[in-house]
C-alpha atoms as a PDB file:
ATOM      1  CA  UNK A   1     -10.087  20.073   4.155  1.00  0.00           C
ATOM      2  CA  UNK A   2      -8.978  19.422   7.694  1.00  0.00           C
ATOM      3  CA  UNK A   3      -6.126  17.242   6.371  1.00  0.00           C
ATOM      4  CA  UNK A   4      -2.588  17.926   7.610  1.00  0.00           C
ATOM      5  CA  UNK A   5       0.206  16.128   5.807  1.00  0.00           C
ATOM      6  CA  UNK A   6       3.938  15.985   6.502  1.00  0.00           C
ATOM      7  CA  UNK A   7       5.519  13.915   3.813  1.00  0.00           C
ATOM      8  CA  UNK A   8       8.113  13.231   1.186  1.00  0.00           C
ATOM      9  CA  UNK A   9       5.359  12.525  -1.367  1.00  0.00           C
ATOM     10  CA  UNK A  10       6.859  10.217  -3.920  1.00  0.00           C
ATOM     11  CA  UNK A  11       9.623  12.678  -4.793  1.00  0.00           C
ATOM     12  CA  UNK A  12      12.663  10.848  -6.138  1.00  0.00           C
ATOM     13  CA  UNK A  13      15.402  11.619  -8.613  1.00  0.00           C
ATOM     14  CA  UNK A  14      17.294   9.426 -11.006  1.00  0.00           C
ATOM     15  CA  UNK A  15      20.401   9.806  -8.867  1.00  0.00           C
ATOM     16  CA  UNK A  16      18.806   8.215  -5.810  1.00  0.00           C
ATOM     17  CA  UNK A  17      20.148   4.806  -4.848  1.00  0.00           C
ATOM     18  CA  UNK A  18      18.041   1.850  -5.852  1.00  0.00           C
ATOM     19  CA  UNK A  19      16.416  -0.407  -3.252  1.00  0.00           C
ATOM     20  CA  UNK A  20      18.775  -3.000  -1.850  1.00  0.00           C
ATOM     21  CA  UNK A  21      19.182  -4.604   1.583  1.00  0.00           C
ATOM     22  CA  UNK A  22      16.509  -3.563   4.068  1.00  0.00           C
ATOM     23  CA  UNK A  23      17.204  -0.574   6.300  1.00  0.00           C
ATOM     24  CA  UNK A  24      15.874  -0.036   9.796  1.00  0.00           C
ATOM     25  CA  UNK A  25      12.206   0.775   9.526  1.00  0.00           C
ATOM     26  CA  UNK A  26      10.615   3.881  11.037  1.00  0.00           C
ATOM     27  CA  UNK A  27       7.324   5.677  11.033  1.00  0.00           C
ATOM     28  CA  UNK A  28       6.619   9.344  11.637  1.00  0.00           C
ATOM     29  CA  UNK A  29       3.298  11.007  12.176  1.00  0.00           C
ATOM     30  CA  UNK A  30       2.616  14.610  11.153  1.00  0.00           C
ATOM     31  CA  UNK A  31       3.245  15.761  14.704  1.00  0.00           C
ATOM     32  CA  UNK A  32       6.652  14.118  14.721  1.00  0.00           C
ATOM     33  CA  UNK A  33       7.999  15.330  11.357  1.00  0.00           C
ATOM     34  CA  UNK A  34       8.978  13.140   8.421  1.00  0.00           C
ATOM     35  CA  UNK A  35      11.937  11.002   7.450  1.00  0.00           C
ATOM     36  CA  UNK A  36      13.475  11.016   3.984  1.00  0.00           C
ATOM     37  CA  UNK A  37      15.317   7.756   4.565  1.00  0.00           C
ATOM     38  CA  UNK A  38      12.610   5.320   3.651  1.00  0.00           C
ATOM     39  CA  UNK A  39      11.101   3.842   0.524  1.00  0.00           C
ATOM     40  CA  UNK A  40      10.039   6.752  -1.630  1.00  0.00           C
ATOM     41  CA  UNK A  41       7.195   7.873   0.653  1.00  0.00           C
ATOM     42  CA  UNK A  42       7.101   7.949   4.401  1.00  0.00           C
ATOM     43  CA  UNK A  43       4.052   9.851   5.400  1.00  0.00           C
ATOM     44  CA  UNK A  44       2.136  10.696   8.519  1.00  0.00           C
ATOM     45  CA  UNK A  45      -1.335  12.063   8.389  1.00  0.00           C
ATOM     46  CA  UNK A  46      -3.206  13.682  11.200  1.00  0.00           C
ATOM     47  CA  UNK A  47      -6.737  13.837   9.864  1.00  0.00           C
ATOM     48  CA  UNK A  48      -9.915  15.439  11.054  1.00  0.00           C
ATOM     49  CA  UNK A  49     -11.659  13.505   8.333  1.00  0.00           C
ATOM     50  CA  UNK A  50     -14.305  15.268   6.237  1.00  0.00           C
ATOM     51  CA  UNK A  51     -16.341  12.564   4.618  1.00  0.00           C
ATOM     52  CA  UNK A  52     -19.760  11.777   3.341  1.00  0.00           C
ATOM     53  CA  UNK A  53     -22.820   9.700   4.073  1.00  0.00           C
ATOM     54  CA  UNK A  54     -22.698   6.610   1.873  1.00  0.00           C
ATOM     55  CA  UNK A  55     -25.574   6.747  -0.530  1.00  0.00           C
ATOM     56  CA  UNK A  56     -26.595   3.071  -0.233  1.00  0.00           C
ATOM     57  CA  UNK A  57     -30.229   3.961  -0.835  1.00  0.00           C
ATOM     58  CA  UNK A  58     -29.266   5.200  -4.316  1.00  0.00           C
ATOM     59  CA  UNK A  59     -28.110   1.744  -5.407  1.00  0.00           C
ATOM     60  CA  UNK A  60     -24.440   2.716  -5.601  1.00  0.00           C
ATOM     61  CA  UNK A  61     -21.544   0.321  -4.998  1.00  0.00           C
ATOM     62  CA  UNK A  62     -21.158  -1.093  -1.503  1.00  0.00           C
ATOM     63  CA  UNK A  63     -18.319   0.320   0.559  1.00  0.00           C
ATOM     64  CA  UNK A  64     -15.888  -2.432   1.520  1.00  0.00           C
ATOM     65  CA  UNK A  65     -14.627  -3.074   5.024  1.00  0.00           C
ATOM     66  CA  UNK A  66     -17.024  -0.791   6.965  1.00  0.00           C
ATOM     67  CA  UNK A  67     -15.523   0.524  10.213  1.00  0.00           C
ATOM     68  CA  UNK A  68     -17.863   2.346  12.628  1.00  0.00           C
ATOM     69  CA  UNK A  69     -15.329   4.978  13.659  1.00  0.00           C
ATOM     70  CA  UNK A  70     -13.967   8.337  12.580  1.00  0.00           C
ATOM     71  CA  UNK A  71     -10.497   8.092  11.083  1.00  0.00           C
ATOM     72  CA  UNK A  72      -8.540  10.939  12.689  1.00  0.00           C
ATOM     73  CA  UNK A  73      -4.948   9.752  12.583  1.00  0.00           C
ATOM     74  CA  UNK A  74      -3.234   7.338  10.185  1.00  0.00           C
ATOM     75  CA  UNK A  75       0.359   6.082  10.421  1.00  0.00           C
ATOM     76  CA  UNK A  76       2.171   4.455   7.543  1.00  0.00           C
ATOM     77  CA  UNK A  77       5.428   2.699   6.720  1.00  0.00           C
ATOM     78  CA  UNK A  78       7.096  -0.142   4.835  1.00  0.00           C
ATOM     79  CA  UNK A  79      10.335  -2.121   4.461  1.00  0.00           C
ATOM     80  CA  UNK A  80      10.830  -3.575   7.960  1.00  0.00           C
ATOM     81  CA  UNK A  81      13.803  -5.829   8.645  1.00  0.00           C
ATOM     82  CA  UNK A  82      12.629  -8.524  11.016  1.00  0.00           C
ATOM     83  CA  UNK A  83      16.220  -9.192  12.135  1.00  0.00           C
ATOM     84  CA  UNK A  84      16.454  -5.748  13.757  1.00  0.00           C
ATOM     85  CA  UNK A  85      14.905  -4.825  17.167  1.00  0.00           C
ATOM     86  CA  UNK A  86      12.500  -2.257  15.640  1.00  0.00           C
ATOM     87  CA  UNK A  87      12.547   0.107  18.640  1.00  0.00           C
ATOM     88  CA  UNK A  88      10.208   2.620  17.011  1.00  0.00           C
ATOM     89  CA  UNK A  89       7.031   0.655  17.819  1.00  0.00           C
ATOM     90  CA  UNK A  90       6.515   2.112  21.304  1.00  0.00           C
ATOM     91  CA  UNK A  91       6.607   5.637  19.810  1.00  0.00           C
ATOM     92  CA  UNK A  92       4.088   4.673  17.134  1.00  0.00           C
ATOM     93  CA  UNK A  93       1.756   3.211  19.743  1.00  0.00           C
ATOM     94  CA  UNK A  94       2.117   6.254  22.002  1.00  0.00           C
ATOM     95  CA  UNK A  95       0.762   8.486  19.232  1.00  0.00           C
ATOM     96  CA  UNK A  96      -2.436   6.435  19.196  1.00  0.00           C
ATOM     97  CA  UNK A  97      -3.116   6.226  15.445  1.00  0.00           C
ATOM     98  CA  UNK A  98      -6.550   4.909  14.479  1.00  0.00           C
ATOM     99  CA  UNK A  99      -4.857   2.810  11.782  1.00  0.00           C
ATOM    100  CA  UNK A 100      -1.369   1.766  10.891  1.00  0.00           C
ATOM    101  CA  UNK A 101      -0.823   0.739   7.225  1.00  0.00           C
ATOM    102  CA  UNK A 102       1.989  -1.525   6.115  1.00  0.00           C
ATOM    103  CA  UNK A 103       2.807  -0.710   2.470  1.00  0.00           C
ATOM    104  CA  UNK A 104       4.615  -3.958   1.760  1.00  0.00           C
ATOM    105  CA  UNK A 105       7.896  -5.624   2.642  1.00  0.00           C
ATOM    106  CA  UNK A 106       6.543  -6.185   6.144  1.00  0.00           C
ATOM    107  CA  UNK A 107       9.233  -8.829   6.365  1.00  0.00           C
ATOM    108  CA  UNK A 108      12.124  -9.868   4.103  1.00  0.00           C
ATOM    109  CA  UNK A 109      11.626 -13.514   3.209  1.00  0.00           C
ATOM    110  CA  UNK A 110      13.002 -14.014  -0.310  1.00  0.00           C
ATOM    111  CA  UNK A 111      12.622 -17.696  -1.070  1.00  0.00           C
ATOM    112  CA  UNK A 112      15.862 -19.525  -1.864  1.00  0.00           C
ATOM    113  CA  UNK A 113      14.313 -22.997  -1.333  1.00  0.00           C
ATOM    114  CA  UNK A 114      11.259 -24.747  -2.840  1.00  0.00           C
ATOM    115  CA  UNK A 115       9.429 -24.897   0.459  1.00  0.00           C
ATOM    116  CA  UNK A 116      10.292 -21.234   1.275  1.00  0.00           C
ATOM    117  CA  UNK A 117      11.409 -21.751   4.826  1.00  0.00           C
ATOM    118  CA  UNK A 118      12.887 -18.256   4.635  1.00  0.00           C
ATOM    119  CA  UNK A 119       9.443 -16.706   4.556  1.00  0.00           C
ATOM    120  CA  UNK A 120       8.159 -18.875   7.402  1.00  0.00           C
ATOM    121  CA  UNK A 121      11.140 -17.894   9.509  1.00  0.00           C
ATOM    122  CA  UNK A 122      10.714 -14.199   8.665  1.00  0.00           C
ATOM    123  CA  UNK A 123       7.114 -14.081   9.871  1.00  0.00           C
ATOM    124  CA  UNK A 124       8.110 -16.056  12.923  1.00  0.00           C
ATOM    125  CA  UNK A 125      10.787 -13.542  13.837  1.00  0.00           C
ATOM    126  CA  UNK A 126       8.417 -10.614  13.504  1.00  0.00           C
ATOM    127  CA  UNK A 127       5.805 -12.411  15.594  1.00  0.00           C
ATOM    128  CA  UNK A 128       8.349 -12.880  18.404  1.00  0.00           C
ATOM    129  CA  UNK A 129       9.453  -9.248  18.428  1.00  0.00           C
ATOM    130  CA  UNK A 130       8.258  -7.790  21.730  1.00  0.00           C
ATOM    131  CA  UNK A 131       8.176  -4.207  20.431  1.00  0.00           C
ATOM    132  CA  UNK A 132       5.983  -5.197  17.530  1.00  0.00           C
ATOM    133  CA  UNK A 133       3.649  -7.520  19.418  1.00  0.00           C
ATOM    134  CA  UNK A 134       2.966  -4.882  22.125  1.00  0.00           C
ATOM    135  CA  UNK A 135       2.170  -2.264  19.478  1.00  0.00           C
ATOM    136  CA  UNK A 136      -0.001  -4.725  17.610  1.00  0.00           C
ATOM    137  CA  UNK A 137      -2.075  -5.171  20.752  1.00  0.00           C
ATOM    138  CA  UNK A 138      -2.662  -1.399  20.927  1.00  0.00           C
ATOM    139  CA  UNK A 139      -2.956  -0.231  17.300  1.00  0.00           C
ATOM    140  CA  UNK A 140      -5.114  -1.531  14.492  1.00  0.00           C
ATOM    141  CA  UNK A 141      -2.779  -2.692  11.689  1.00  0.00           C
ATOM    142  CA  UNK A 142      -3.587  -3.512   8.085  1.00  0.00           C
ATOM    143  CA  UNK A 143      -1.189  -4.248   5.262  1.00  0.00           C
ATOM    144  CA  UNK A 144      -0.470  -5.584   1.823  1.00  0.00           C
ATOM    145  CA  UNK A 145       2.361  -7.606   0.342  1.00  0.00           C
ATOM    146  CA  UNK A 146       5.199  -6.365  -1.852  1.00  0.00           C
ATOM    147  CA  UNK A 147       7.991  -8.382  -3.480  1.00  0.00           C
ATOM    148  CA  UNK A 148      10.141  -9.440  -0.531  1.00  0.00           C
ATOM    149  CA  UNK A 149       7.186 -10.668   1.562  1.00  0.00           C
ATOM    150  CA  UNK A 150       5.801 -12.340  -1.580  1.00  0.00           C
ATOM    151  CA  UNK A 151       9.087 -14.256  -1.630  1.00  0.00           C
ATOM    152  CA  UNK A 152      10.663 -12.962  -4.858  1.00  0.00           C
ATOM    153  CA  UNK A 153      12.516  -9.721  -5.564  1.00  0.00           C
ATOM    154  CA  UNK A 154      10.700  -7.643  -8.222  1.00  0.00           C
ATOM    155  CA  UNK A 155       8.255 -10.546  -8.528  1.00  0.00           C
ATOM    156  CA  UNK A 156       4.894 -10.589 -10.298  1.00  0.00           C
ATOM    157  CA  UNK A 157       2.361 -12.956 -11.795  1.00  0.00           C
ATOM    158  CA  UNK A 158       4.959 -15.647 -12.578  1.00  0.00           C
ATOM    159  CA  UNK A 159       6.184 -15.789  -8.946  1.00  0.00           C
ATOM    160  CA  UNK A 160       6.047 -19.509  -7.976  1.00  0.00           C
ATOM    161  CA  UNK A 161       5.843 -18.628  -4.283  1.00  0.00           C
ATOM    162  CA  UNK A 162       2.848 -16.262  -4.380  1.00  0.00           C
ATOM    163  CA  UNK A 163       0.156 -18.740  -3.231  1.00  0.00           C
ATOM    164  CA  UNK A 164       2.321 -19.844  -0.303  1.00  0.00           C
ATOM    165  CA  UNK A 165       3.207 -16.233   0.549  1.00  0.00           C
ATOM    166  CA  UNK A 166      -0.428 -15.147   0.466  1.00  0.00           C
ATOM    167  CA  UNK A 167      -1.427 -17.940   2.874  1.00  0.00           C
ATOM    168  CA  UNK A 168       1.471 -17.122   5.243  1.00  0.00           C
ATOM    169  CA  UNK A 169       0.397 -13.468   5.260  1.00  0.00           C
ATOM    170  CA  UNK A 170      -3.260 -14.197   5.951  1.00  0.00           C
ATOM    171  CA  UNK A 171      -2.426 -16.683   8.700  1.00  0.00           C
ATOM    172  CA  UNK A 172      -0.057 -14.216  10.420  1.00  0.00           C
ATOM    173  CA  UNK A 173      -2.758 -11.531  10.490  1.00  0.00           C
ATOM    174  CA  UNK A 174      -5.465 -13.922  11.616  1.00  0.00           C
ATOM    175  CA  UNK A 175      -7.688 -13.701   8.534  1.00  0.00           C
ATOM    176  CA  UNK A 176     -10.677 -15.961   8.992  1.00  0.00           C
ATOM    177  CA  UNK A 177     -12.202 -18.373   6.470  1.00  0.00           C
ATOM    178  CA  UNK A 178     -14.737 -15.691   5.470  1.00  0.00           C
ATOM    179  CA  UNK A 179     -12.094 -13.043   4.731  1.00  0.00           C
ATOM    180  CA  UNK A 180     -12.637 -11.734   1.189  1.00  0.00           C
ATOM    181  CA  UNK A 181      -8.928 -11.900   0.458  1.00  0.00           C
ATOM    182  CA  UNK A 182      -8.998 -15.715   0.648  1.00  0.00           C
ATOM    183  CA  UNK A 183     -11.174 -15.778  -2.473  1.00  0.00           C
ATOM    184  CA  UNK A 184      -9.317 -13.045  -4.343  1.00  0.00           C
ATOM    185  CA  UNK A 185      -6.394 -12.971  -6.752  1.00  0.00           C
ATOM    186  CA  UNK A 186      -4.026 -11.372  -4.292  1.00  0.00           C
ATOM    187  CA  UNK A 187      -4.443  -9.603  -0.961  1.00  0.00           C
ATOM    188  CA  UNK A 188      -5.941  -6.251  -1.959  1.00  0.00           C
ATOM    189  CA  UNK A 189      -8.603  -4.841   0.337  1.00  0.00           C
ATOM    190  CA  UNK A 190     -10.513  -1.735   1.285  1.00  0.00           C
ATOM    191  CA  UNK A 191     -11.524  -0.094   4.579  1.00  0.00           C
ATOM    192  CA  UNK A 192     -14.268   2.529   4.929  1.00  0.00           C
ATOM    193  CA  UNK A 193     -14.304   4.512   8.156  1.00  0.00           C
ATOM    194  CA  UNK A 194     -17.488   6.372   9.051  1.00  0.00           C
ATOM    195  CA  UNK A 195     -18.178   8.460  12.178  1.00  0.00           C
ATOM    196  CA  UNK A 196     -19.375  11.826  13.371  1.00  0.00           C
ATOM    197  CA  UNK A 197     -17.071  14.763  13.789  1.00  0.00           C
ATOM    198  CA  UNK A 198     -17.149  17.330  16.601  1.00  0.00           C
ATOM    199  CA  UNK A 199     -19.973  19.168  14.866  1.00  0.00           C
ATOM    200  CA  UNK A 200     -22.053  15.975  14.725  1.00  0.00           C
ATOM    201  CA  UNK A 201     -21.763  15.599  10.943  1.00  0.00           C
ATOM    202  CA  UNK A 202     -21.318  12.113   9.493  1.00  0.00           C
ATOM    203  CA  UNK A 203     -17.934  11.727   7.830  1.00  0.00           C
ATOM    204  CA  UNK A 204     -16.335   8.925   5.773  1.00  0.00           C
ATOM    205  CA  UNK A 205     -12.767   8.105   4.801  1.00  0.00           C
ATOM    206  CA  UNK A 206     -11.757   5.258   2.508  1.00  0.00           C
ATOM    207  CA  UNK A 207      -8.397   3.402   2.569  1.00  0.00           C
ATOM    208  CA  UNK A 208      -7.657   1.180  -0.431  1.00  0.00           C
ATOM    209  CA  UNK A 209      -4.661  -1.204  -0.349  1.00  0.00           C
ATOM    210  CA  UNK A 210      -3.639  -2.378  -3.832  1.00  0.00           C
ATOM    211  CA  UNK A 211      -1.842  -5.637  -4.570  1.00  0.00           C
ATOM    212  CA  UNK A 212       0.544  -4.677  -7.367  1.00  0.00           C
ATOM    213  CA  UNK A 213       2.366  -8.033  -7.412  1.00  0.00           C
ATOM    214  CA  UNK A 214      -0.112 -10.878  -7.849  1.00  0.00           C
ATOM    215  CA  UNK A 215      -1.043 -10.190 -11.492  1.00  0.00           C
ATOM    216  CA  UNK A 216       1.809  -7.925 -12.544  1.00  0.00           C
ATOM    217  CA  UNK A 217       3.205  -8.561 -16.013  1.00  0.00           C
ATOM    218  CA  UNK A 218       6.986  -8.668 -16.545  1.00  0.00           C
ATOM    219  CA  UNK A 219       8.836  -5.382 -16.771  1.00  0.00           C
ATOM    220  CA  UNK A 220      10.808  -4.436 -19.884  1.00  0.00           C
ATOM    221  CA  UNK A 221      14.532  -4.723 -19.085  1.00  0.00           C
ATOM    222  CA  UNK A 222      16.626  -1.748 -20.065  1.00  0.00           C
ATOM    223  CA  UNK A 223      19.172  -2.217 -22.799  1.00  0.00           C
ATOM    224  CA  UNK A 224      22.770  -1.802 -21.597  1.00  0.00           C
ATOM    225  CA  UNK A 225      24.393  -2.375 -18.252  1.00  0.00           C
ATOM    226  CA  UNK A 226      22.460  -1.787 -15.028  1.00  0.00           C
ATOM    227  CA  UNK A 227      23.601   1.269 -13.087  1.00  0.00           C
ATOM    228  CA  UNK A 228      22.471   2.950  -9.899  1.00  0.00           C
ATOM    229  CA  UNK A 229      21.391   6.089 -11.796  1.00  0.00           C
ATOM    230  CA  UNK A 230      19.713   4.488 -14.811  1.00  0.00           C
ATOM    231  CA  UNK A 231      18.238   1.461 -13.138  1.00  0.00           C
ATOM    232  CA  UNK A 232      17.229  -1.968 -14.436  1.00  0.00           C
ATOM    233  CA  UNK A 233      14.023  -1.291 -16.394  1.00  0.00           C
ATOM    234  CA  UNK A 234      12.574   1.031 -18.962  1.00  0.00           C
ATOM    235  CA  UNK A 235       8.971   2.012 -19.857  1.00  0.00           C
ATOM    236  CA  UNK A 236       7.303  -0.512 -22.140  1.00  0.00           C
ATOM    237  CA  UNK A 237       5.834   1.395 -25.085  1.00  0.00           C
ATOM    238  CA  UNK A 238       5.791  -1.583 -27.465  1.00  0.00           C
ATOM    239  CA  UNK A 239       2.577  -2.840 -29.057  1.00  0.00           C
ATOM    240  CA  UNK A 240       2.658  -5.785 -26.651  1.00  0.00           C
ATOM    241  CA  UNK A 241       2.361  -3.448 -23.678  1.00  0.00           C
ATOM    242  CA  UNK A 242      -1.375  -3.016 -24.292  1.00  0.00           C
ATOM    243  CA  UNK A 243      -1.799  -6.626 -23.139  1.00  0.00           C
ATOM    244  CA  UNK A 244       0.196  -6.144 -19.952  1.00  0.00           C
ATOM    245  CA  UNK A 245      -1.215  -5.358 -16.526  1.00  0.00           C
ATOM    246  CA  UNK A 246      -0.296  -4.381 -13.004  1.00  0.00           C
ATOM    247  CA  UNK A 247      -3.526  -5.068 -11.127  1.00  0.00           C
ATOM    248  CA  UNK A 248      -5.213  -7.670 -13.317  1.00  0.00           C
ATOM    249  CA  UNK A 249      -8.830  -7.289 -14.465  1.00  0.00           C
ATOM    250  CA  UNK A 250     -10.374  -8.691 -11.281  1.00  0.00           C
ATOM    251  CA  UNK A 251      -8.677  -6.066  -9.107  1.00  0.00           C
ATOM    252  CA  UNK A 252      -9.281  -3.316 -11.665  1.00  0.00           C
ATOM    253  CA  UNK A 253     -13.036  -3.998 -11.516  1.00  0.00           C
ATOM    254  CA  UNK A 254     -12.917  -3.934  -7.724  1.00  0.00           C
ATOM    255  CA  UNK A 255     -10.937  -0.665  -7.628  1.00  0.00           C
ATOM    256  CA  UNK A 256     -13.157   1.084 -10.122  1.00  0.00           C
ATOM    257  CA  UNK A 257     -16.172   0.052  -8.081  1.00  0.00           C
ATOM    258  CA  UNK A 258     -14.698   1.283  -4.809  1.00  0.00           C
ATOM    259  CA  UNK A 259     -13.823   4.639  -6.363  1.00  0.00           C
ATOM    260  CA  UNK A 260     -17.544   5.140  -6.961  1.00  0.00           C
ATOM    261  CA  UNK A 261     -18.175   4.984  -3.206  1.00  0.00           C
ATOM    262  CA  UNK A 262     -18.659   8.574  -1.975  1.00  0.00           C
ATOM    263  CA  UNK A 263     -15.811   9.813   0.267  1.00  0.00           C
ATOM    264  CA  UNK A 264     -14.216  13.093   1.192  1.00  0.00           C
ATOM    265  CA  UNK A 265     -10.870  11.518   1.913  1.00  0.00           C
ATOM    266  CA  UNK A 266      -9.539   8.585  -0.040  1.00  0.00           C
ATOM    267  CA  UNK A 267      -6.089   7.046   0.656  1.00  0.00           C
ATOM    268  CA  UNK A 268      -4.731   4.661  -1.970  1.00  0.00           C
ATOM    269  CA  UNK A 269      -1.745   2.487  -1.110  1.00  0.00           C
ATOM    270  CA  UNK A 270       0.486   1.112  -3.878  1.00  0.00           C
ATOM    271  CA  UNK A 271       3.576  -0.715  -2.664  1.00  0.00           C
ATOM    272  CA  UNK A 272       5.660   0.730  -5.516  1.00  0.00           C
ATOM    273  CA  UNK A 273       5.566   4.307  -6.751  1.00  0.00           C
ATOM    274  CA  UNK A 274       2.886   5.847  -8.941  1.00  0.00           C
ATOM    275  CA  UNK A 275       4.003   9.399  -9.688  1.00  0.00           C
ATOM    276  CA  UNK A 276       7.774   9.379 -10.353  1.00  0.00           C
ATOM    277  CA  UNK A 277       9.143   9.178 -13.889  1.00  0.00           C
ATOM    278  CA  UNK A 278      12.815   9.803 -13.260  1.00  0.00           C
ATOM    279  CA  UNK A 279      14.303   6.372 -12.571  1.00  0.00           C
ATOM    280  CA  UNK A 280      14.544   2.852 -14.031  1.00  0.00           C
ATOM    281  CA  UNK A 281      13.496   0.914 -10.943  1.00  0.00           C
ATOM    282  CA  UNK A 282      10.016  -0.446 -10.239  1.00  0.00           C
ATOM    283  CA  UNK A 283       7.185   2.054 -10.670  1.00  0.00           C
ATOM    284  CA  UNK A 284       3.816   2.362 -12.398  1.00  0.00           C
ATOM    285  CA  UNK A 285       5.396   4.403 -15.205  1.00  0.00           C
ATOM    286  CA  UNK A 286       7.127   1.325 -16.566  1.00  0.00           C
ATOM    287  CA  UNK A 287       3.703   0.350 -17.948  1.00  0.00           C
ATOM    288  CA  UNK A 288       2.477   3.773 -19.098  1.00  0.00           C
ATOM    289  CA  UNK A 289      -0.977   2.547 -20.131  1.00  0.00           C
ATOM    290  CA  UNK A 290      -1.641   1.076 -16.689  1.00  0.00           C
ATOM    291  CA  UNK A 291      -0.451   4.242 -14.976  1.00  0.00           C
ATOM    292  CA  UNK A 292      -2.699   6.361 -17.194  1.00  0.00           C
ATOM    293  CA  UNK A 293      -5.657   4.133 -16.381  1.00  0.00           C
ATOM    294  CA  UNK A 294      -4.993   4.450 -12.665  1.00  0.00           C
ATOM    295  CA  UNK A 295      -4.630   8.234 -12.700  1.00  0.00           C
ATOM    296  CA  UNK A 296      -7.803   8.587 -14.773  1.00  0.00           C
ATOM    297  CA  UNK A 297      -9.710   6.404 -12.344  1.00  0.00           C
ATOM    298  CA  UNK A 298      -8.456   8.395  -9.354  1.00  0.00           C
ATOM    299  CA  UNK A 299      -9.318  11.687 -11.041  1.00  0.00           C
ATOM    300  CA  UNK A 300     -12.922  10.542 -11.409  1.00  0.00           C
ATOM    301  CA  UNK A 301     -13.273   9.168  -7.861  1.00  0.00           C
ATOM    302  CA  UNK A 302     -16.606   9.990  -6.276  1.00  0.00           C
ATOM    303  CA  UNK A 303     -16.610  12.888  -3.794  1.00  0.00           C
ATOM    304  CA  UNK A 304     -18.951  13.554  -0.886  1.00  0.00           C
ATOM    305  CA  UNK A 305     -21.675  15.155  -2.976  1.00  0.00           C
ATOM    306  CA  UNK A 306     -23.383  14.113  -6.149  1.00  0.00           C
ATOM    307  CA  UNK A 307     -21.176  15.080  -9.087  1.00  0.00           C
ATOM    308  CA  UNK A 308     -18.205  16.060  -6.884  1.00  0.00           C
ATOM    309  CA  UNK A 309     -14.783  14.428  -7.289  1.00  0.00           C
ATOM    310  CA  UNK A 310     -12.561  13.535  -4.364  1.00  0.00           C
ATOM    311  CA  UNK A 311      -9.206  12.524  -5.906  1.00  0.00           C
ATOM    312  CA  UNK A 312      -6.891  10.612  -3.624  1.00  0.00           C
ATOM    313  CA  UNK A 313      -3.808  10.703  -1.406  1.00  0.00           C
ATOM    314  CA  UNK A 314      -1.247   8.221  -2.763  1.00  0.00           C
ATOM    315  CA  UNK A 315       1.085   6.309  -0.434  1.00  0.00           C
ATOM    316  CA  UNK A 316       3.893   4.032  -1.636  1.00  0.00           C
ATOM    317  CA  UNK A 317       6.822   2.037  -0.323  1.00  0.00           C
ATOM    318  CA  UNK A 318       9.563  -0.091  -1.938  1.00  0.00           C
ATOM    319  CA  UNK A 319      12.263   2.573  -2.508  1.00  0.00           C
ATOM    320  CA  UNK A 320      14.921   3.247   0.085  1.00  0.00           C
END
């Protein structure tokens, strides 16, 4: 496939510590190895992307966020403490990734006040970090919010700060008035990279960033005391769970449409974990029907040729 991956791919155990105070953030690319210290997944991909010509003339769904370039190297990370110096940014920039993806908790700004000055101060600190600002000037960066940069730990649809947090995020990243995210329920987005490889063949790679906070229904709290090993939550298998959601119907329709866009490589970013089943902290498996819907959608994702299926590489954050 031309894809080289060095990763701890969503492998966790029930005995792992739950997420707590932010740790120093780091990113590794495939050429630099991989750290097991961060948030469930910390992955680096060096990609000679094999992708397909979008079949726009066949009346298929439009690819979102077209980028006229071949995606050859992607860097990824999450859970950055804005109070720390973040000395890893020069190394990230020196590796010249075509894209750096923030998988949530870009800052820690949990709101303790009604006007959420904590979140304003958090983005301000990151914006004044010289290591970050120099790297931002050299590397394309895209991201999505998780709970701490949405202003509420383990937050979801009922988060009273989500509108304010969304606006702070879009302003920090310079999103214009025409940015699609300004009209959406959340900050989900897609990017579609298309370029020619060394053989002259046209190749496409799709990167989809999911917002798993904006519409998320409440988790089912586990009976009994909370422990590091057992966690705080349990899968919701009650009859009421069929009415619960993680993405919300607007985002589900968008995602299912984007998965019909032909691509050889598809990277899907969820800020909390999709695959693990072995712990009681936040993960897709706490709403089994939603997880099953996501996995079925990914299994049917359109490949580079008519009738082919591409699947997806899943990236997540949150756990550390």
